[in-house]
Amino acid sequence: MPSEREQPDIRTLESRVVYQDSWIRLRQDTIERRDGSRGTYAVVEKPDFALVVPAENGGFHLIEEYRYPIARRSWSFPQGGWPGGTTGEAADLARLELTQETGLRARELTPLGYLHCSQGTSDQGFHIFLATGLEPGAPDREAEEQDMRQQWMPRAQFEDMARTGVITDDSTLAAYALLLLHEKSAG
């Protein structure tokens, strides 16, 4: 018999798909908590994505685009998932996103870590990579990215934009935190 420690805090009794398309699946679960009480839990299932920190000359290449869910333009590091149903290695996805969104190609791609985003709502996570040795090229953006623009910014400007709420993308700021830890451990 499993010990109390091995028992999950929440047990799924039944599950049903409420909505699904090629990018997202919304599931509603009937659950039972450790104390026996029951309830429901909605879970957004999305494939993992890759985020790239393109760094050179004391700054970063950022992208800016209109984000429909928040109804405004937003700055972030390049990031995205595999196109409809495609899968592969996280580093390959990072290279693809970097090239598509900025046109840049990286000679070096250093893994910085893996994080979950919105873990109280979604199972989605993301792989973070530092891209260096950047070579310019033409972007190859998807239809949804036609309004996207790219700009290099010095680190001080990036930090100021984060501090003043211009950059609000949680994945970008979490990736920056991992970059700082990477730099600290590298000396």
Protein backbone atom coordinates (compact mmCIF):
# COMPACT_ATOMS: atom_id res chain seq x y z
CA MET A 1 0.00 0.00 0.00
CA PRO A 2 1.45 3.43 -0.95
CA SER A 3 2.40 5.73 1.89
CA GLU A 4 0.67 9.08 2.40
CA ARG A 5 3.69 10.82 0.88
CA GLU A 6 3.29 8.80 -2.36
CA GLN A 7 -0.39 9.60 -2.71
CA PRO A 8 -1.08 12.48 -5.09
CA ASP A 9 -2.54 15.57 -3.49
CA ILE A 10 -5.22 15.62 -6.19
CA ARG A 11 -6.57 12.54 -7.95
CA THR A 12 -8.31 12.67 -11.35
CA LEU A 13 -11.67 10.84 -11.28
CA GLU A 14 -12.73 11.63 -14.82
CA SER A 15 -11.62 13.87 -17.64
CA ARG A 16 -13.29 15.35 -20.72
CA VAL A 17 -12.03 17.52 -23.57
CA VAL A 18 -13.95 20.79 -23.72
CA TYR A 19 -12.14 22.28 -26.74
CA GLN A 20 -9.35 21.22 -29.07
CA ASP A 21 -7.60 22.55 -32.18
CA SER A 22 -4.13 22.08 -33.67
CA TRP A 23 -2.53 24.46 -31.07
CA ILE A 24 -4.37 23.87 -27.81
CA ARG A 25 -6.55 21.44 -25.89
CA LEU A 26 -8.75 22.43 -22.95
CA ARG A 27 -9.64 19.67 -20.55
CA GLN A 28 -12.04 19.67 -17.59
CA ASP A 29 -11.27 17.13 -14.88
CA THR A 30 -13.38 15.98 -11.98
CA ILE A 31 -10.94 15.69 -9.10
CA GLU A 32 -10.71 14.42 -5.55
CA ARG A 33 -8.43 16.14 -3.05
CA ARG A 34 -6.45 14.37 -0.34
CA ASP A 35 -9.16 15.18 2.25
CA GLY A 36 -11.82 13.49 0.08
CA SER A 37 -13.50 16.68 -1.13
CA ARG A 38 -14.29 16.84 -4.84
CA GLY A 39 -14.21 19.57 -7.43
CA THR A 40 -13.31 20.40 -10.99
CA TYR A 41 -10.07 21.58 -12.55
CA ALA A 42 -9.58 23.04 -16.02
CA VAL A 43 -6.22 22.32 -17.68
CA VAL A 44 -4.83 23.92 -20.83
CA GLU A 45 -2.65 21.43 -22.70
CA LYS A 46 -0.13 22.97 -25.08
CA PRO A 47 3.09 21.62 -26.56
CA ASP A 48 6.36 22.93 -25.16
CA PHE A 49 8.11 25.78 -26.95
CA ALA A 50 11.61 27.17 -27.27
CA LEU A 51 12.80 30.64 -26.32
CA VAL A 52 16.06 32.13 -27.57
CA VAL A 53 18.15 34.87 -25.93
CA PRO A 54 20.08 36.31 -28.92
CA ALA A 55 22.97 38.15 -27.28
CA GLU A 56 25.79 40.21 -28.78
CA ASN A 57 27.69 43.44 -28.15
CA GLY A 58 26.34 43.86 -24.61
CA GLY A 59 22.70 43.63 -25.63
CA PHE A 60 19.92 41.50 -27.06
CA HIS A 61 17.86 41.14 -30.20
CA LEU A 62 14.18 41.42 -29.24
CA ILE A 63 11.02 41.08 -31.26
CA GLU A 64 7.87 43.14 -30.95
CA GLU A 65 4.46 42.09 -32.19
CA TYR A 66 0.76 42.52 -31.51
CA ARG A 67 -0.46 39.98 -28.96
CA TYR A 68 -4.19 39.42 -29.41
CA PRO A 69 -4.98 38.02 -25.91
CA ILE A 70 -3.61 41.16 -24.19
CA ALA A 71 -4.74 43.55 -27.00
CA ARG A 72 -1.40 45.34 -27.34
CA ARG A 73 2.04 45.17 -28.87
CA SER A 74 4.60 43.40 -26.73
CA TRP A 75 8.41 42.99 -26.65
CA SER A 76 9.99 39.60 -26.00
CA PHE A 77 12.83 37.29 -26.87
CA PRO A 78 12.12 35.18 -29.99
CA GLN A 79 10.04 32.15 -29.05
CA GLY A 80 7.58 29.68 -30.45
CA GLY A 81 6.51 26.11 -30.99
CA TRP A 82 6.68 23.61 -33.78
CA PRO A 83 4.21 24.27 -36.61
CA GLY A 84 0.99 22.19 -36.51
CA GLY A 85 1.79 18.70 -35.34
CA THR A 86 5.52 18.78 -36.13
CA THR A 87 7.93 17.71 -33.41
CA GLY A 88 11.67 17.57 -32.92
CA GLU A 89 14.56 18.51 -30.68
CA ALA A 90 14.29 21.68 -28.59
CA ALA A 91 17.59 23.08 -29.95
CA ASP A 92 16.37 22.64 -33.53
CA LEU A 93 13.17 24.49 -32.64
CA ALA A 94 15.21 27.29 -31.03
CA ARG A 95 17.28 27.68 -34.22
CA LEU A 96 14.11 27.67 -36.34
CA GLU A 97 12.41 30.35 -34.22
CA LEU A 98 15.51 32.54 -34.15
CA THR A 99 15.84 32.40 -37.94
CA GLN A 100 12.12 32.80 -38.66
CA GLU A 101 11.58 35.76 -36.36
CA THR A 102 14.88 37.64 -36.68
CA GLY A 103 16.76 36.17 -39.64
CA LEU A 104 19.71 35.57 -37.30
CA ARG A 105 21.65 32.34 -37.24
CA ALA A 106 23.64 31.31 -34.17
CA ARG A 107 27.02 29.61 -34.31
CA GLU A 108 26.56 28.64 -30.66
CA LEU A 109 23.40 27.67 -28.82
CA THR A 110 23.81 27.13 -25.07
CA PRO A 111 20.96 25.55 -23.08
CA LEU A 112 20.04 27.70 -20.05
CA GLY A 113 17.22 25.58 -18.66
CA TYR A 114 13.63 24.43 -18.81
CA LEU A 115 10.70 26.11 -17.06
CA HIS A 116 6.92 25.75 -16.84
CA CYS A 117 4.74 28.73 -17.63
CA SER A 118 1.38 29.29 -15.97
CA GLN A 119 1.76 26.02 -14.08
CA GLY A 120 -1.52 26.48 -12.22
CA THR A 121 -3.40 26.46 -15.53
CA SER A 122 -1.29 24.72 -18.16
CA ASP A 123 1.09 21.80 -18.67
CA GLN A 124 3.19 23.83 -21.14
CA GLY A 125 6.86 24.39 -20.57
CA PHE A 126 9.71 25.93 -22.50
CA HIS A 127 13.38 25.36 -23.22
CA ILE A 128 15.63 28.43 -22.97
CA PHE A 129 18.77 28.86 -25.09
CA LEU A 130 21.46 31.52 -25.27
CA ALA A 131 22.35 32.24 -28.90
CA THR A 132 25.78 33.73 -29.64
CA GLY A 133 28.01 34.10 -32.67
CA LEU A 134 25.08 35.64 -34.53
CA GLU A 135 25.07 35.97 -38.30
CA PRO A 136 22.45 38.19 -39.98
CA GLY A 137 19.97 37.00 -42.56
CA ALA A 138 16.41 37.59 -43.73
CA PRO A 139 13.55 36.56 -41.43
CA ASP A 140 11.01 33.99 -42.67
CA ARG A 141 7.96 34.87 -40.61
CA GLU A 142 4.67 33.02 -40.46
CA ALA A 143 1.41 34.76 -41.45
CA GLU A 144 0.61 35.53 -37.79
CA GLU A 145 3.97 37.28 -37.47
CA GLN A 146 3.63 39.72 -40.38
CA ASP A 147 3.45 42.71 -38.02
CA MET A 148 6.57 41.61 -36.12
CA ARG A 149 9.63 43.80 -35.92
CA GLN A 150 13.07 43.12 -34.52
CA GLN A 151 15.46 45.45 -32.74
CA TRP A 152 18.78 45.13 -30.95
CA MET A 153 18.79 46.79 -27.52
CA PRO A 154 21.59 47.35 -25.03
CA ARG A 155 21.19 45.39 -21.80
CA ALA A 156 20.55 48.57 -19.77
CA GLN A 157 17.62 49.46 -22.05
CA PHE A 158 16.25 45.90 -21.78
CA GLU A 159 16.43 46.08 -17.98
CA ASP A 160 14.77 49.51 -17.96
CA MET A 161 11.96 48.18 -20.18
CA ALA A 162 11.45 45.28 -17.78
CA ARG A 163 11.53 47.54 -14.72
CA THR A 164 9.00 50.01 -16.17
CA GLY A 165 6.53 47.39 -17.44
CA VAL A 166 7.24 47.79 -21.15
CA ILE A 167 8.36 44.15 -21.26
CA THR A 168 5.68 42.06 -19.55
CA ASP A 169 6.28 38.66 -21.16
CA ASP A 170 6.88 36.30 -18.25
CA SER A 171 8.88 33.82 -20.33
CA THR A 172 11.27 36.55 -21.47
CA LEU A 173 11.86 37.76 -17.92
CA ALA A 174 12.27 34.22 -16.59
CA ALA A 175 14.78 33.49 -19.36
CA TYR A 176 16.70 36.63 -18.40
CA ALA A 177 16.85 35.40 -14.80
CA LEU A 178 18.34 32.10 -15.99
CA LEU A 179 20.82 34.02 -18.14
CA LEU A 180 21.94 36.00 -15.08
CA LEU A 181 22.41 32.78 -13.11
CA HIS A 182 24.36 31.28 -16.02
CA GLU A 183 26.62 34.34 -16.19
CA LYS A 184 27.14 34.28 -12.42
CA SER A 185 28.15 30.61 -12.43
CA ALA A 186 30.48 31.17 -15.42
CA GLY A 187 32.34 33.79 -13.40
